[in-house]
């Protein structure tokens, strides 16, 4: 019963996403709704349709690529995610979320050396986003740069003292082995 209600609500939400003036905007909005519902394959399809329609302005197109990057990360398709965030950055080289997306996709595929500069840029562009600082700490930790990881995790915790992942990361990098 719950699944039927959820699917009905999603269908209603997708119908509400329709733009009378631009089908690309409709597809983009549907992508957002599908991603929010955890339907990453559908989200990718909608974002792809929005991008392929070639009617979005430069800023919206950059966001569509970044959102598709996030959906690819959720699916574990890290190479596609890197390509999409790179495209988003081609359109807007000040887009912190796209730097963070490319960072996280590279980090999740164990490309930590490639991830670090993107994480650093994401944090430099948006010092108020706790997840960017956390991701930077994660990358530094993986690279064995514990002092830098400690600072990044600390920054995430300064933004949100209840941020569990950052607290756990900080504990890992400040704990001396054998104690």
Protein backbone atom coordinates (compact mmCIF):
# COMPACT_ATOMS: atom_id res chain seq x y z
CA UNK A 1 0.00 0.00 0.00
CA UNK A 2 2.78 2.43 0.95
CA UNK A 3 4.59 1.82 -2.36
CA UNK A 4 1.38 2.51 -4.32
CA UNK A 5 0.87 5.78 -2.46
CA UNK A 6 4.52 6.73 -2.96
CA UNK A 7 4.34 6.01 -6.70
CA UNK A 8 1.09 7.98 -6.96
CA UNK A 9 2.68 10.94 -5.15
CA UNK A 10 5.72 10.75 -7.40
CA UNK A 11 3.51 10.68 -10.50
CA UNK A 12 1.63 13.73 -9.23
CA UNK A 13 4.92 15.49 -8.47
CA UNK A 14 6.31 14.70 -11.92
CA UNK A 15 3.14 16.04 -13.53
CA UNK A 16 3.48 19.24 -11.48
CA UNK A 17 6.99 19.72 -12.87
CA UNK A 18 5.73 20.55 -16.36
CA UNK A 19 6.76 23.89 -17.81
CA UNK A 20 4.45 25.20 -20.49
CA UNK A 21 7.23 27.23 -22.07
CA UNK A 22 10.27 24.93 -22.07
CA UNK A 23 10.27 21.12 -22.13
CA UNK A 24 13.92 21.11 -21.01
CA UNK A 25 12.89 22.85 -17.80
CA UNK A 26 10.18 20.22 -17.32
CA UNK A 27 12.70 17.42 -17.76
CA UNK A 28 15.14 19.10 -15.39
CA UNK A 29 12.43 19.46 -12.72
CA UNK A 30 11.41 15.85 -13.23
CA UNK A 31 15.04 14.88 -12.74
CA UNK A 32 15.08 16.70 -9.41
CA UNK A 33 11.88 14.95 -8.33
CA UNK A 34 13.11 11.52 -9.40
CA UNK A 35 16.46 12.02 -7.66
CA UNK A 36 14.69 13.13 -4.47
CA UNK A 37 12.63 9.95 -4.64
CA UNK A 38 15.77 7.83 -4.97
CA UNK A 39 15.07 6.93 -8.62
CA UNK A 40 18.56 7.71 -9.89
CA UNK A 41 18.20 5.97 -13.25
CA UNK A 42 15.05 7.99 -13.98
CA UNK A 43 16.77 11.15 -12.77
CA UNK A 44 19.69 10.53 -15.14
CA UNK A 45 17.26 10.00 -18.01
CA UNK A 46 15.40 13.24 -17.25
CA UNK A 47 18.62 15.26 -16.84
CA UNK A 48 19.93 13.79 -20.10
CA UNK A 49 16.76 14.81 -21.88
CA UNK A 50 17.00 18.33 -20.47
CA UNK A 51 20.63 18.62 -21.55
CA UNK A 52 20.00 17.16 -25.01
CA UNK A 53 17.15 19.58 -25.74
CA UNK A 54 19.79 22.33 -25.94
CA UNK A 55 17.46 25.10 -24.72
CA UNK A 56 18.70 25.64 -21.17
CA UNK A 57 20.70 28.77 -20.48
CA UNK A 58 24.36 28.33 -19.53
CA UNK A 59 23.77 28.49 -15.77
CA UNK A 60 20.88 26.00 -15.82
CA UNK A 61 22.81 23.70 -18.14
CA UNK A 62 25.73 23.71 -15.71
CA UNK A 63 23.38 22.80 -12.88
CA UNK A 64 21.79 20.01 -14.94
CA UNK A 65 25.23 18.49 -15.57
CA UNK A 66 26.11 18.75 -11.87
CA UNK A 67 22.81 17.13 -10.82
CA UNK A 68 23.37 14.32 -13.32
CA UNK A 69 26.87 13.95 -11.84
CA UNK A 70 25.29 13.50 -8.40
CA UNK A 71 22.91 10.85 -9.76
CA UNK A 72 25.82 9.02 -11.38
CA UNK A 73 27.68 9.07 -8.05
CA UNK A 74 24.62 7.60 -6.33
CA UNK A 75 24.62 4.83 -8.96
CA UNK A 76 28.35 4.18 -8.57
CA UNK A 77 29.11 5.35 -12.12
CA UNK A 78 32.08 7.46 -11.13
CA UNK A 79 33.65 7.96 -14.57
CA UNK A 80 30.35 9.34 -15.90
CA UNK A 81 30.08 11.54 -12.81
CA UNK A 82 33.56 12.97 -13.36
CA UNK A 83 32.71 13.72 -17.01
CA UNK A 84 29.46 15.48 -16.06
CA UNK A 85 31.01 17.60 -13.32
CA UNK A 86 33.85 18.49 -15.68
CA UNK A 87 31.27 19.66 -18.21
CA UNK A 88 29.50 21.68 -15.52
CA UNK A 89 32.82 23.34 -14.65
CA UNK A 90 33.47 24.11 -18.31
CA UNK A 91 30.26 26.14 -18.21
CA UNK A 92 30.87 27.67 -14.77
CA UNK A 93 34.34 27.49 -13.26
CA UNK A 94 33.09 28.96 -9.94
CA UNK A 95 30.57 26.17 -9.26
CA UNK A 96 31.55 24.77 -5.85
CA UNK A 97 29.06 21.89 -5.96
CA UNK A 98 30.52 20.66 -9.27
CA UNK A 99 34.05 20.74 -7.86
CA UNK A 100 32.78 18.80 -4.86
CA UNK A 101 30.97 16.29 -7.08
CA UNK A 102 34.06 15.65 -9.17
CA UNK A 103 36.11 15.40 -5.96
CA UNK A 104 33.75 12.85 -4.45
CA UNK A 105 33.51 10.78 -7.65
CA UNK A 106 37.31 10.61 -7.84
CA UNK A 107 37.58 9.85 -4.12
CA UNK A 108 35.02 7.03 -4.36
CA UNK A 109 37.02 5.51 -7.23
CA UNK A 110 40.27 5.73 -5.22
CA UNK A 111 41.69 8.56 -7.32
CA UNK A 112 42.60 10.60 -4.25
CA UNK A 113 45.39 12.62 -5.87
CA UNK A 114 42.93 13.81 -8.52
CA UNK A 115 40.26 14.45 -5.89
CA UNK A 116 42.28 16.71 -3.59
CA UNK A 117 42.51 19.84 -5.79
CA UNK A 118 38.77 19.71 -6.52
CA UNK A 119 37.90 19.32 -2.83
CA UNK A 120 40.20 22.23 -2.00
CA UNK A 121 38.54 24.38 -4.66
CA UNK A 122 35.03 23.46 -3.45
CA UNK A 123 35.93 24.51 0.10
CA UNK A 124 37.63 27.69 -1.13
CA UNK A 125 34.51 28.68 -3.07
CA UNK A 126 32.03 27.77 -0.31
CA UNK A 127 33.48 27.73 3.19
CA UNK A 128 30.00 27.36 4.72
CA UNK A 129 29.21 23.91 3.28
CA UNK A 130 30.06 21.27 5.88
CA UNK A 131 30.01 18.35 3.44
CA UNK A 132 32.69 19.99 1.28
CA UNK A 133 35.00 20.30 4.30
CA UNK A 134 34.20 16.72 5.32
CA UNK A 135 35.02 15.39 1.86
CA UNK A 136 38.31 17.28 1.91
CA UNK A 137 39.12 15.68 5.25
CA UNK A 138 38.27 12.25 3.86
CA UNK A 139 40.58 12.78 0.89
CA UNK A 140 43.45 14.08 3.03
CA UNK A 141 42.98 11.14 5.39
CA UNK A 142 43.20 8.72 2.46
CA UNK A 143 46.37 10.46 1.29
CA UNK A 144 47.89 10.09 4.75
CA UNK A 145 47.95 13.85 5.37
CA UNK A 146 46.54 13.63 8.88
CA UNK A 147 47.22 17.24 9.95
CA UNK A 148 45.33 18.55 6.92
CA UNK A 149 42.56 15.97 7.47
CA UNK A 150 42.24 17.04 11.10
CA UNK A 151 41.88 20.68 10.07
CA UNK A 152 39.26 19.89 7.39
CA UNK A 153 37.21 17.65 9.70
CA UNK A 154 37.46 20.37 12.34
CA UNK A 155 36.13 22.91 9.86
CA UNK A 156 33.14 20.65 9.11
CA UNK A 157 32.46 20.28 12.84
CA UNK A 158 32.73 24.03 13.39
CA UNK A 159 29.94 24.42 10.84
CA UNK A 160 27.86 21.64 12.41
CA UNK A 161 28.97 20.25 15.80
CA UNK A 162 26.54 17.33 15.39
CA UNK A 163 28.03 16.19 12.04
CA UNK A 164 28.65 12.52 12.88
CA UNK A 165 30.79 11.60 9.85
CA UNK A 166 33.13 14.53 10.50
CA UNK A 167 33.34 13.65 14.21
CA UNK A 168 34.22 10.05 13.36
CA UNK A 169 36.80 11.23 10.81
CA UNK A 170 38.38 13.58 13.33
CA UNK A 171 38.58 10.75 15.88
CA UNK A 172 40.30 8.50 13.32
CA UNK A 173 42.97 11.05 12.42
CA UNK A 174 43.68 12.18 15.98
CA UNK A 175 43.81 8.74 17.59
CA UNK A 176 47.33 7.45 18.07
CA UNK A 177 47.70 3.80 17.03
CA UNK A 178 47.94 1.48 20.00
CA UNK A 179 46.17 3.74 22.50
